[in-house]
Amino acid sequence: MSLLRQPLLLLARSGGVKKVVETMPVSAGIVRSYVPGETTTDAVRAAGELVADGLHVTLDHLGEDTSDRGDAERTVEAYLDALTALGHAGLTHGAEVSVKLSAVGQYVGESGEQLALENARRICRAARNQGTTVTLDMEDHTTTDSTLGILRELRQDFPETGAVLQSYLRRTEEDCHQLAYEGSRVRLCKGAYAEPASVAFEERLEVDKSYVRCLKVLMSGQGYPMVASHDPRMVAIAGTLAARNGREPGSYEYQMLYGIRPEEQRRLAESGETVRVYVPYGSEWYGYLMRRLAERPQNLSFFLTSLISKK
């Protein structure tokens, strides 16, 4: 892993740095590269542009680690607003939403899991009413069991709810086996949180090997794999595994982040593949930005230039 990765991930949770960085306008170059704006209007505009280019979208209202019931409710309302706006714009055939359970109540006291489940149900119901779906984002390893438990509950009424698994966790290959059943949508990513070696692979090669093992499980299973990677090697391997398992385009999809490899996103879509772009929006963009910088430390110089030049 890059020597900068761990420090950047630790900065993602630094309150002092956050106070300084959050005074930067969201229009600052490095922020705008990854976040199209703070409002529902910004998010729907970006979704419309991507869908018009033949891409699919998942919207993520940024925020996590909520410990206040009122904040959780405001996050739910933001998702309900976004889903209504997507419906009015005629975009729900190509756009869904991604939800972090920690943003909708998972950490709110002893009843946090139940609150998160109830709030996620509200979002899933609104998504179904608009003709689209929800995917539950995965966070650090301490939430994995809770998130998968809530997923199981949600899928009883909303079996279309998507899951996310992270290949840097040592447990993930087994989780893939458990979730590779018919109708199950699973996004496989590498992972972007600072984790202890006891639960996560630390070397990039080991994370990549795990990703390939997990891809093999998902592509040979009965579910719908969502290949979340910008790595050309992983994209190529996914295509090979799809062909080897007799999968037609549309029985799996590629996913990439907003602002990263847009030309490749369009190339894949033009070749007949389903490509979904993860579009984050909202005022709580700091942690998301730092994780993106950790994944691509070459962007750090641009970020520091923006920070230093701030008046």
C-alpha atoms as a PDB file:
ATOM      1  CA  MET A   1       0.000   0.000   0.000  1.00  0.00           C
ATOM      2  CA  SER A   2       1.135   3.596  -0.512  1.00  0.00           C
ATOM      3  CA  LEU A   3       2.948   5.111   2.494  1.00  0.00           C
ATOM      4  CA  LEU A   4       0.427   7.969   2.314  1.00  0.00           C
ATOM      5  CA  ARG A   5      -2.654   5.779   2.504  1.00  0.00           C
ATOM      6  CA  GLN A   6      -2.799   5.188   6.270  1.00  0.00           C
ATOM      7  CA  PRO A   7      -2.071   8.832   7.223  1.00  0.00           C
ATOM      8  CA  LEU A   8      -4.765  10.040   4.824  1.00  0.00           C
ATOM      9  CA  LEU A   9      -7.286   7.578   6.203  1.00  0.00           C
ATOM     10  CA  LEU A  10      -6.496   8.762   9.717  1.00  0.00           C
ATOM     11  CA  LEU A  11      -6.967  12.363   8.582  1.00  0.00           C
ATOM     12  CA  ALA A  12     -10.438  11.383   7.392  1.00  0.00           C
ATOM     13  CA  ARG A  13     -11.388  11.157  11.071  1.00  0.00           C
ATOM     14  CA  SER A  14      -9.388  14.168  12.289  1.00  0.00           C
ATOM     15  CA  GLY A  15     -11.701  16.787  13.721  1.00  0.00           C
ATOM     16  CA  GLY A  16      -9.057  19.529  13.645  1.00  0.00           C
ATOM     17  CA  VAL A  17      -8.153  19.080   9.988  1.00  0.00           C
ATOM     18  CA  LYS A  18     -11.813  18.697   9.123  1.00  0.00           C
ATOM     19  CA  LYS A  19     -12.633  22.131  10.587  1.00  0.00           C
ATOM     20  CA  VAL A  20     -10.042  23.756   8.334  1.00  0.00           C
ATOM     21  CA  VAL A  21     -10.851  21.809   5.197  1.00  0.00           C
ATOM     22  CA  GLU A  22     -14.610  22.216   5.492  1.00  0.00           C
ATOM     23  CA  THR A  23     -14.223  25.972   5.083  1.00  0.00           C
ATOM     24  CA  MET A  24     -13.133  25.323   1.515  1.00  0.00           C
ATOM     25  CA  PRO A  25     -15.954  25.854  -0.975  1.00  0.00           C
ATOM     26  CA  VAL A  26     -17.306  22.703  -2.579  1.00  0.00           C
ATOM     27  CA  SER A  27     -16.454  24.336  -5.910  1.00  0.00           C
ATOM     28  CA  ALA A  28     -12.739  24.071  -5.103  1.00  0.00           C
ATOM     29  CA  GLY A  29     -11.122  22.094  -7.894  1.00  0.00           C
ATOM     30  CA  ILE A  30     -10.176  18.917  -6.063  1.00  0.00           C
ATOM     31  CA  VAL A  31     -13.543  18.705  -4.300  1.00  0.00           C
ATOM     32  CA  ARG A  32     -15.572  19.342  -7.442  1.00  0.00           C
ATOM     33  CA  SER A  33     -13.608  16.556  -9.129  1.00  0.00           C
ATOM     34  CA  TYR A  34     -15.322  14.031  -6.882  1.00  0.00           C
ATOM     35  CA  VAL A  35     -18.516  15.710  -5.623  1.00  0.00           C
ATOM     36  CA  PRO A  36     -20.871  17.454  -8.091  1.00  0.00           C
ATOM     37  CA  GLY A  37     -22.497  19.615  -5.416  1.00  0.00           C
ATOM     38  CA  GLU A  38     -24.258  19.828  -2.076  1.00  0.00           C
ATOM     39  CA  THR A  39     -27.942  19.839  -3.027  1.00  0.00           C
ATOM     40  CA  THR A  40     -30.499  17.426  -4.425  1.00  0.00           C
ATOM     41  CA  THR A  41     -30.657  19.629  -7.511  1.00  0.00           C
ATOM     42  CA  ASP A  42     -26.908  19.216  -8.029  1.00  0.00           C
ATOM     43  CA  ALA A  43     -27.170  15.444  -7.656  1.00  0.00           C
ATOM     44  CA  VAL A  44     -30.113  15.060 -10.029  1.00  0.00           C
ATOM     45  CA  ARG A  45     -28.447  17.321 -12.592  1.00  0.00           C
ATOM     46  CA  ALA A  46     -25.299  15.149 -12.516  1.00  0.00           C
ATOM     47  CA  ALA A  47     -27.418  11.984 -12.725  1.00  0.00           C
ATOM     48  CA  GLY A  48     -29.288  13.339 -15.741  1.00  0.00           C
ATOM     49  CA  GLU A  49     -26.063  14.126 -17.570  1.00  0.00           C
ATOM     50  CA  LEU A  50     -24.665  10.659 -16.923  1.00  0.00           C
ATOM     51  CA  VAL A  51     -27.863   8.836 -17.890  1.00  0.00           C
ATOM     52  CA  ALA A  52     -27.988  10.876 -21.106  1.00  0.00           C
ATOM     53  CA  ASP A  53     -24.520   9.485 -21.889  1.00  0.00           C
ATOM     54  CA  GLY A  54     -25.765   5.903 -21.538  1.00  0.00           C
ATOM     55  CA  LEU A  55     -24.544   5.375 -17.987  1.00  0.00           C
ATOM     56  CA  HIS A  56     -26.400   4.302 -14.855  1.00  0.00           C
ATOM     57  CA  VAL A  57     -26.111   6.085 -11.509  1.00  0.00           C
ATOM     58  CA  THR A  58     -26.255   5.488  -7.777  1.00  0.00           C
ATOM     59  CA  LEU A  59     -26.632   8.600  -5.587  1.00  0.00           C
ATOM     60  CA  ASP A  60     -25.028   8.757  -2.159  1.00  0.00           C
ATOM     61  CA  HIS A  61     -26.076  11.512   0.255  1.00  0.00           C
ATOM     62  CA  LEU A  62     -22.826  11.987   2.131  1.00  0.00           C
ATOM     63  CA  GLY A  63     -22.721  11.515   5.883  1.00  0.00           C
ATOM     64  CA  GLU A  64     -21.812   8.807   8.370  1.00  0.00           C
ATOM     65  CA  ASP A  65     -21.263   8.068  12.073  1.00  0.00           C
ATOM     66  CA  THR A  66     -24.497   9.834  13.012  1.00  0.00           C
ATOM     67  CA  SER A  67     -25.190   9.590  16.746  1.00  0.00           C
ATOM     68  CA  ASP A  68     -28.223  11.900  16.821  1.00  0.00           C
ATOM     69  CA  ARG A  69     -31.741  10.739  15.979  1.00  0.00           C
ATOM     70  CA  GLY A  70     -32.574  14.112  14.427  1.00  0.00           C
ATOM     71  CA  ASP A  71     -29.574  13.954  12.097  1.00  0.00           C
ATOM     72  CA  ALA A  72     -30.584  10.437  11.061  1.00  0.00           C
ATOM     73  CA  GLU A  73     -34.087  11.680  10.255  1.00  0.00           C
ATOM     74  CA  ARG A  74     -32.694  14.527   8.168  1.00  0.00           C
ATOM     75  CA  THR A  75     -30.626  12.037   6.185  1.00  0.00           C
ATOM     76  CA  VAL A  76     -33.706   9.901   5.537  1.00  0.00           C
ATOM     77  CA  GLU A  77     -35.621  12.972   4.376  1.00  0.00           C
ATOM     78  CA  ALA A  78     -32.757  13.854   2.031  1.00  0.00           C
ATOM     79  CA  TYR A  79     -33.021  10.416   0.417  1.00  0.00           C
ATOM     80  CA  LEU A  80     -36.793  10.636   0.118  1.00  0.00           C
ATOM     81  CA  ASP A  81     -36.379  14.041  -1.504  1.00  0.00           C
ATOM     82  CA  ALA A  82     -33.764  12.703  -3.928  1.00  0.00           C
ATOM     83  CA  LEU A  83     -35.932   9.741  -4.921  1.00  0.00           C
ATOM     84  CA  THR A  84     -38.926  12.015  -5.546  1.00  0.00           C
ATOM     85  CA  ALA A  85     -36.731  14.335  -7.627  1.00  0.00           C
ATOM     86  CA  LEU A  86     -35.352  11.416  -9.645  1.00  0.00           C
ATOM     87  CA  GLY A  87     -38.906  10.279 -10.304  1.00  0.00           C
ATOM     88  CA  HIS A  88     -40.024  13.738 -11.431  1.00  0.00           C
ATOM     89  CA  ALA A  89     -36.994  13.941 -13.735  1.00  0.00           C
ATOM     90  CA  GLY A  90     -37.798  10.552 -15.278  1.00  0.00           C
ATOM     91  CA  LEU A  91     -34.449   9.111 -14.192  1.00  0.00           C
ATOM     92  CA  THR A  92     -35.367   6.165 -11.991  1.00  0.00           C
ATOM     93  CA  HIS A  93     -34.901   3.722 -14.885  1.00  0.00           C
ATOM     94  CA  GLY A  94     -31.194   4.541 -14.685  1.00  0.00           C
ATOM     95  CA  ALA A  95     -30.581   5.800 -11.161  1.00  0.00           C
ATOM     96  CA  GLU A  96     -30.785   4.268  -7.677  1.00  0.00           C
ATOM     97  CA  VAL A  97     -29.466   5.331  -4.258  1.00  0.00           C
ATOM     98  CA  SER A  98     -26.733   4.053  -1.943  1.00  0.00           C
ATOM     99  CA  VAL A  99     -27.231   4.335   1.823  1.00  0.00           C
ATOM    100  CA  LYS A 100     -24.783   4.164   4.734  1.00  0.00           C
ATOM    101  CA  LEU A 101     -26.582   2.683   7.726  1.00  0.00           C
ATOM    102  CA  SER A 102     -24.449   4.703  10.133  1.00  0.00           C
ATOM    103  CA  ALA A 103     -26.004   7.829   8.597  1.00  0.00           C
ATOM    104  CA  VAL A 104     -29.572   6.675   9.288  1.00  0.00           C
ATOM    105  CA  GLY A 105     -29.265   5.650  12.926  1.00  0.00           C
ATOM    106  CA  GLN A 106     -27.013   2.594  13.305  1.00  0.00           C
ATOM    107  CA  TYR A 107     -25.020   4.323  16.077  1.00  0.00           C
ATOM    108  CA  VAL A 108     -27.923   5.999  17.884  1.00  0.00           C
ATOM    109  CA  GLY A 109     -27.864   4.323  21.301  1.00  0.00           C
ATOM    110  CA  GLU A 110     -28.801   0.754  22.111  1.00  0.00           C
ATOM    111  CA  SER A 111     -31.698   0.806  19.656  1.00  0.00           C
ATOM    112  CA  GLY A 112     -29.511   2.026  16.795  1.00  0.00           C
ATOM    113  CA  GLU A 113     -29.755  -1.106  14.679  1.00  0.00           C
ATOM    114  CA  GLN A 114     -33.531  -1.143  14.885  1.00  0.00           C
ATOM    115  CA  LEU A 115     -33.697   2.560  14.024  1.00  0.00           C
ATOM    116  CA  ALA A 116     -31.391   2.041  11.039  1.00  0.00           C
ATOM    117  CA  LEU A 117     -33.529  -0.877   9.865  1.00  0.00           C
ATOM    118  CA  GLU A 118     -36.737   1.140  10.126  1.00  0.00           C
ATOM    119  CA  ASN A 119     -35.204   4.118   8.336  1.00  0.00           C
ATOM    120  CA  ALA A 120     -33.706   1.931   5.616  1.00  0.00           C
ATOM    121  CA  ARG A 121     -37.151   0.360   5.122  1.00  0.00           C
ATOM    122  CA  ARG A 122     -38.609   3.829   4.554  1.00  0.00           C
ATOM    123  CA  ILE A 123     -35.992   4.543   1.896  1.00  0.00           C
ATOM    124  CA  CYS A 124     -36.461   1.132   0.244  1.00  0.00           C
ATOM    125  CA  ARG A 125     -40.225   1.636   0.144  1.00  0.00           C
ATOM    126  CA  ALA A 126     -39.842   5.073  -1.443  1.00  0.00           C
ATOM    127  CA  ALA A 127     -37.363   3.667  -3.975  1.00  0.00           C
ATOM    128  CA  ARG A 128     -39.716   0.852  -4.952  1.00  0.00           C
ATOM    129  CA  ASN A 129     -42.588   3.330  -5.311  1.00  0.00           C
ATOM    130  CA  GLN A 130     -40.421   5.316  -7.718  1.00  0.00           C
ATOM    131  CA  GLY A 131     -39.424   2.191  -9.639  1.00  0.00           C
ATOM    132  CA  THR A 132     -35.815   1.938  -8.484  1.00  0.00           C
ATOM    133  CA  THR A 133     -33.617   0.276  -5.855  1.00  0.00           C
ATOM    134  CA  VAL A 134     -31.349   0.816  -2.851  1.00  0.00           C
ATOM    135  CA  THR A 135     -27.864  -0.512  -2.140  1.00  0.00           C
ATOM    136  CA  LEU A 136     -26.551  -0.617   1.437  1.00  0.00           C
ATOM    137  CA  ASP A 137     -23.017   0.751   1.542  1.00  0.00           C
ATOM    138  CA  MET A 138     -20.449  -1.074   3.648  1.00  0.00           C
ATOM    139  CA  GLU A 139     -18.319   0.833   6.158  1.00  0.00           C
ATOM    140  CA  ASP A 140     -15.483  -0.168   8.484  1.00  0.00           C
ATOM    141  CA  HIS A 141     -15.225  -3.752   9.710  1.00  0.00           C
ATOM    142  CA  THR A 142     -16.945  -3.060  13.047  1.00  0.00           C
ATOM    143  CA  THR A 143     -20.246  -2.575  11.202  1.00  0.00           C
ATOM    144  CA  THR A 144     -20.053  -5.559   8.839  1.00  0.00           C
ATOM    145  CA  ASP A 145     -22.105  -8.035  10.869  1.00  0.00           C
ATOM    146  CA  SER A 146     -24.697  -5.405  11.748  1.00  0.00           C
ATOM    147  CA  THR A 147     -25.001  -4.257   8.137  1.00  0.00           C
ATOM    148  CA  LEU A 148     -25.390  -7.794   6.780  1.00  0.00           C
ATOM    149  CA  GLY A 149     -27.964  -8.535   9.486  1.00  0.00           C
ATOM    150  CA  ILE A 150     -30.008  -5.491   8.490  1.00  0.00           C
ATOM    151  CA  LEU A 151     -29.634  -6.496   4.840  1.00  0.00           C
ATOM    152  CA  ARG A 152     -31.164  -9.902   5.599  1.00  0.00           C
ATOM    153  CA  GLU A 153     -34.116  -8.238   7.312  1.00  0.00           C
ATOM    154  CA  LEU A 154     -34.649  -5.773   4.464  1.00  0.00           C
ATOM    155  CA  ARG A 155     -34.492  -8.447   1.802  1.00  0.00           C
ATOM    156  CA  GLN A 156     -37.486 -10.196   3.306  1.00  0.00           C
ATOM    157  CA  ASP A 157     -39.656  -7.344   2.017  1.00  0.00           C
ATOM    158  CA  PHE A 158     -37.289  -5.751  -0.497  1.00  0.00           C
ATOM    159  CA  PRO A 159     -35.256  -8.583  -2.045  1.00  0.00           C
ATOM    160  CA  GLU A 160     -33.872  -6.171  -4.642  1.00  0.00           C
ATOM    161  CA  THR A 161     -31.795  -4.361  -1.997  1.00  0.00           C
ATOM    162  CA  GLY A 162     -28.125  -4.383  -2.951  1.00  0.00           C
ATOM    163  CA  ALA A 163     -25.184  -5.341  -0.737  1.00  0.00           C
ATOM    164  CA  VAL A 164     -21.564  -4.199  -0.698  1.00  0.00           C
ATOM    165  CA  LEU A 165     -18.554  -6.337   0.193  1.00  0.00           C
ATOM    166  CA  GLN A 166     -14.921  -5.247   0.516  1.00  0.00           C
ATOM    167  CA  SER A 167     -12.112  -7.481  -0.689  1.00  0.00           C
ATOM    168  CA  TYR A 168      -9.548  -6.159   1.775  1.00  0.00           C
ATOM    169  CA  LEU A 169     -11.392  -7.858   4.632  1.00  0.00           C
ATOM    170  CA  ARG A 170     -10.232 -11.408   5.262  1.00  0.00           C
ATOM    171  CA  ARG A 171     -13.815 -12.621   5.736  1.00  0.00           C
ATOM    172  CA  THR A 172     -15.146 -11.391   2.408  1.00  0.00           C
ATOM    173  CA  GLU A 173     -14.632 -14.464   0.252  1.00  0.00           C
ATOM    174  CA  GLU A 174     -16.903 -16.426   2.594  1.00  0.00           C
ATOM    175  CA  ASP A 175     -19.418 -13.567   2.615  1.00  0.00           C
ATOM    176  CA  CYS A 176     -19.449 -13.747  -1.188  1.00  0.00           C
ATOM    177  CA  HIS A 177     -20.363 -17.436  -1.016  1.00  0.00           C
ATOM    178  CA  GLN A 178     -23.213 -16.576   1.341  1.00  0.00           C
ATOM    179  CA  LEU A 179     -24.583 -13.808  -0.906  1.00  0.00           C
ATOM    180  CA  ALA A 180     -24.106 -15.290  -4.389  1.00  0.00           C
ATOM    181  CA  TYR A 181     -27.693 -16.501  -4.654  1.00  0.00           C
ATOM    182  CA  GLU A 182     -30.352 -15.782  -7.252  1.00  0.00           C
ATOM    183  CA  GLY A 183     -31.667 -12.231  -7.140  1.00  0.00           C
ATOM    184  CA  SER A 184     -28.872 -11.009  -4.867  1.00  0.00           C
ATOM    185  CA  ARG A 185     -27.145  -7.828  -6.035  1.00  0.00           C
ATOM    186  CA  VAL A 186     -23.589  -7.560  -4.661  1.00  0.00           C
ATOM    187  CA  ARG A 187     -21.173  -4.682  -5.227  1.00  0.00           C
ATOM    188  CA  LEU A 188     -17.583  -5.811  -4.762  1.00  0.00           C
ATOM    189  CA  CYS A 189     -15.056  -3.073  -3.976  1.00  0.00           C
ATOM    190  CA  LYS A 190     -11.552  -3.150  -2.513  1.00  0.00           C
ATOM    191  CA  GLY A 191     -12.317  -1.086   0.614  1.00  0.00           C
ATOM    192  CA  ALA A 192     -11.356   2.393   1.769  1.00  0.00           C
ATOM    193  CA  TYR A 193     -11.127   2.430   5.581  1.00  0.00           C
ATOM    194  CA  ALA A 194      -8.171   2.118   7.935  1.00  0.00           C
ATOM    195  CA  GLU A 195      -8.383  -1.445   9.288  1.00  0.00           C
ATOM    196  CA  PRO A 196      -6.208  -3.579  11.606  1.00  0.00           C
ATOM    197  CA  ALA A 197      -4.135  -6.359  10.072  1.00  0.00           C
ATOM    198  CA  SER A 198      -6.055  -8.899  12.129  1.00  0.00           C
ATOM    199  CA  VAL A 199      -9.152  -8.405   9.958  1.00  0.00           C
ATOM    200  CA  ALA A 200      -7.826  -6.929   6.706  1.00  0.00           C
ATOM    201  CA  PHE A 201      -5.119  -7.547   4.134  1.00  0.00           C
ATOM    202  CA  GLU A 202      -2.607  -4.700   4.175  1.00  0.00           C
ATOM    203  CA  GLU A 203      -0.575  -5.281   1.022  1.00  0.00           C
ATOM    204  CA  ARG A 204      -2.079  -4.177  -2.287  1.00  0.00           C
ATOM    205  CA  LEU A 205      -1.211  -7.511  -3.931  1.00  0.00           C
ATOM    206  CA  GLU A 206      -3.089  -9.439  -1.243  1.00  0.00           C
ATOM    207  CA  VAL A 207      -6.128  -7.170  -1.597  1.00  0.00           C
ATOM    208  CA  ASP A 208      -6.053  -7.699  -5.360  1.00  0.00           C
ATOM    209  CA  LYS A 209      -5.771 -11.475  -4.999  1.00  0.00           C
ATOM    210  CA  SER A 210      -8.735 -11.441  -2.650  1.00  0.00           C
ATOM    211  CA  TYR A 211     -10.696  -9.313  -5.122  1.00  0.00           C
ATOM    212  CA  VAL A 212     -10.122 -11.884  -7.870  1.00  0.00           C
ATOM    213  CA  ARG A 213     -11.095 -14.787  -5.603  1.00  0.00           C
ATOM    214  CA  CYS A 214     -14.280 -12.951  -4.654  1.00  0.00           C
ATOM    215  CA  LEU A 215     -15.036 -12.120  -8.290  1.00  0.00           C
ATOM    216  CA  LYS A 216     -14.758 -15.806  -9.169  1.00  0.00           C
ATOM    217  CA  VAL A 217     -17.336 -16.658  -6.502  1.00  0.00           C
ATOM    218  CA  LEU A 218     -19.774 -13.947  -7.582  1.00  0.00           C
ATOM    219  CA  MET A 219     -19.447 -14.515 -11.326  1.00  0.00           C
ATOM    220  CA  SER A 220     -19.992 -18.251 -10.946  1.00  0.00           C
ATOM    221  CA  GLY A 221     -22.939 -17.751  -8.606  1.00  0.00           C
ATOM    222  CA  GLN A 222     -26.602 -17.035  -9.276  1.00  0.00           C
ATOM    223  CA  GLY A 223     -26.633 -13.390  -8.214  1.00  0.00           C
ATOM    224  CA  TYR A 224     -25.965 -10.093  -9.956  1.00  0.00           C
ATOM    225  CA  PRO A 225     -22.314  -9.018  -9.478  1.00  0.00           C
ATOM    226  CA  MET A 226     -21.485  -5.308  -9.440  1.00  0.00           C
ATOM    227  CA  VAL A 227     -17.783  -4.892 -10.166  1.00  0.00           C
ATOM    228  CA  ALA A 228     -16.674  -1.700  -8.408  1.00  0.00           C
ATOM    229  CA  SER A 229     -13.120  -1.034  -9.562  1.00  0.00           C
ATOM    230  CA  HIS A 230     -11.137   1.441 -11.666  1.00  0.00           C
ATOM    231  CA  ASP A 231      -8.231  -0.982 -11.947  1.00  0.00           C
ATOM    232  CA  PRO A 232      -7.878  -1.964 -15.640  1.00  0.00           C
ATOM    233  CA  ARG A 233      -6.672  -5.412 -14.585  1.00  0.00           C
ATOM    234  CA  MET A 234      -9.772  -6.066 -12.502  1.00  0.00           C
ATOM    235  CA  VAL A 235     -12.059  -4.778 -15.238  1.00  0.00           C
ATOM    236  CA  ALA A 236     -10.394  -7.142 -17.725  1.00  0.00           C
ATOM    237  CA  ILE A 237     -10.502 -10.079 -15.305  1.00  0.00           C
ATOM    238  CA  ALA A 238     -14.183  -9.442 -14.619  1.00  0.00           C
ATOM    239  CA  GLY A 239     -14.933  -9.534 -18.339  1.00  0.00           C
ATOM    240  CA  THR A 240     -13.018 -12.791 -18.730  1.00  0.00           C
ATOM    241  CA  LEU A 241     -14.807 -14.393 -15.778  1.00  0.00           C
ATOM    242  CA  ALA A 242     -18.193 -13.227 -17.074  1.00  0.00           C
ATOM    243  CA  ALA A 243     -17.513 -14.842 -20.442  1.00  0.00           C
ATOM    244  CA  ARG A 244     -16.164 -18.015 -18.822  1.00  0.00           C
ATOM    245  CA  ASN A 245     -19.369 -18.343 -16.799  1.00  0.00           C
ATOM    246  CA  GLY A 246     -21.629 -17.687 -19.774  1.00  0.00           C
ATOM    247  CA  ARG A 247     -22.850 -14.341 -18.515  1.00  0.00           C
ATOM    248  CA  GLU A 248     -24.375 -11.959 -21.018  1.00  0.00           C
ATOM    249  CA  PRO A 249     -24.040  -8.170 -20.711  1.00  0.00           C
ATOM    250  CA  GLY A 250     -26.791  -7.029 -18.371  1.00  0.00           C
ATOM    251  CA  SER A 251     -26.342  -9.969 -15.985  1.00  0.00           C
ATOM    252  CA  TYR A 252     -23.623  -8.019 -14.153  1.00  0.00           C
ATOM    253  CA  GLU A 253     -22.352  -4.454 -14.179  1.00  0.00           C
ATOM    254  CA  TYR A 254     -19.280  -2.315 -13.683  1.00  0.00           C
ATOM    255  CA  GLN A 255     -19.259   0.522 -11.170  1.00  0.00           C
ATOM    256  CA  MET A 256     -16.910   3.490 -10.959  1.00  0.00           C
ATOM    257  CA  LEU A 257     -16.769   6.686  -8.934  1.00  0.00           C
ATOM    258  CA  TYR A 258     -17.891  10.046 -10.233  1.00  0.00           C
ATOM    259  CA  GLY A 259     -14.935  11.873 -11.756  1.00  0.00           C
ATOM    260  CA  ILE A 260     -12.603   8.866 -12.021  1.00  0.00           C
ATOM    261  CA  ARG A 261     -11.814   7.402 -15.453  1.00  0.00           C
ATOM    262  CA  PRO A 262     -14.876   8.941 -17.154  1.00  0.00           C
ATOM    263  CA  GLU A 263     -13.537   8.000 -20.588  1.00  0.00           C
ATOM    264  CA  GLU A 264     -13.324   4.351 -19.533  1.00  0.00           C
ATOM    265  CA  GLN A 265     -16.843   4.524 -18.123  1.00  0.00           C
ATOM    266  CA  ARG A 266     -18.140   5.672 -21.496  1.00  0.00           C
ATOM    267  CA  ARG A 267     -15.995   3.209 -23.450  1.00  0.00           C
ATOM    268  CA  LEU A 268     -17.416   0.278 -21.513  1.00  0.00           C
ATOM    269  CA  ALA A 269     -20.979   1.574 -21.896  1.00  0.00           C
ATOM    270  CA  GLU A 270     -20.516   2.074 -25.631  1.00  0.00           C
ATOM    271  CA  SER A 271     -19.272  -1.516 -25.915  1.00  0.00           C
ATOM    272  CA  GLY A 272     -22.616  -2.736 -24.522  1.00  0.00           C
ATOM    273  CA  GLU A 273     -21.692  -3.139 -20.863  1.00  0.00           C
ATOM    274  CA  THR A 274     -23.805  -1.809 -17.991  1.00  0.00           C
ATOM    275  CA  VAL A 275     -21.807   0.854 -16.146  1.00  0.00           C
ATOM    276  CA  ARG A 276     -23.027   2.585 -12.998  1.00  0.00           C
ATOM    277  CA  VAL A 277     -21.417   5.766 -11.659  1.00  0.00           C
ATOM    278  CA  TYR A 278     -21.350   6.353  -7.889  1.00  0.00           C
ATOM    279  CA  VAL A 279     -22.332  10.011  -7.403  1.00  0.00           C
ATOM    280  CA  PRO A 280     -21.863  11.469  -3.901  1.00  0.00           C
ATOM    281  CA  TYR A 281     -23.390  14.787  -2.930  1.00  0.00           C
ATOM    282  CA  GLY A 282     -24.074  16.882   0.160  1.00  0.00           C
ATOM    283  CA  SER A 283     -22.214  19.064   2.626  1.00  0.00           C
ATOM    284  CA  GLU A 284     -20.564  16.193   4.553  1.00  0.00           C
ATOM    285  CA  TRP A 285     -17.963  15.508   1.871  1.00  0.00           C
ATOM    286  CA  TYR A 286     -14.786  15.640   3.976  1.00  0.00           C
ATOM    287  CA  GLY A 287     -14.442  11.959   4.937  1.00  0.00           C
ATOM    288  CA  TYR A 288     -15.346  10.857   1.425  1.00  0.00           C
ATOM    289  CA  LEU A 289     -12.740  13.189  -0.097  1.00  0.00           C
ATOM    290  CA  MET A 290      -9.968  11.967   2.201  1.00  0.00           C
ATOM    291  CA  ARG A 291     -10.707   8.333   1.351  1.00  0.00           C
ATOM    292  CA  ARG A 292     -10.504   9.172  -2.354  1.00  0.00           C
ATOM    293  CA  LEU A 293      -7.171  10.900  -1.787  1.00  0.00           C
ATOM    294  CA  ALA A 294      -5.974   7.812   0.097  1.00  0.00           C
ATOM    295  CA  GLU A 295      -6.825   5.695  -2.934  1.00  0.00           C
ATOM    296  CA  ARG A 296      -5.138   8.157  -5.319  1.00  0.00           C
ATOM    297  CA  PRO A 297      -2.393   9.974  -3.347  1.00  0.00           C
ATOM    298  CA  GLN A 298      -1.128  11.621  -6.564  1.00  0.00           C
ATOM    299  CA  ASN A 299      -4.064  14.003  -6.152  1.00  0.00           C
ATOM    300  CA  LEU A 300      -2.781  15.162  -2.760  1.00  0.00           C
ATOM    301  CA  SER A 301      -0.638  17.929  -4.281  1.00  0.00           C
ATOM    302  CA  PHE A 302      -3.681  19.451  -5.985  1.00  0.00           C
ATOM    303  CA  PHE A 303      -5.603  19.289  -2.711  1.00  0.00           C
ATOM    304  CA  LEU A 304      -2.802  20.933  -0.715  1.00  0.00           C
ATOM    305  CA  THR A 305      -2.499  23.702  -3.309  1.00  0.00           C
ATOM    306  CA  SER A 306      -6.211  24.451  -2.913  1.00  0.00           C
ATOM    307  CA  LEU A 307      -5.895  24.412   0.888  1.00  0.00           C
ATOM    308  CA  ILE A 308      -2.779  26.626   1.060  1.00  0.00           C
ATOM    309  CA  SER A 309      -4.183  29.171  -1.402  1.00  0.00           C
ATOM    310  CA  LYS A 310      -7.409  29.532   0.636  1.00  0.00           C
ATOM    311  CA  LYS A 311      -7.721  33.050   2.072  1.00  0.00           C
END
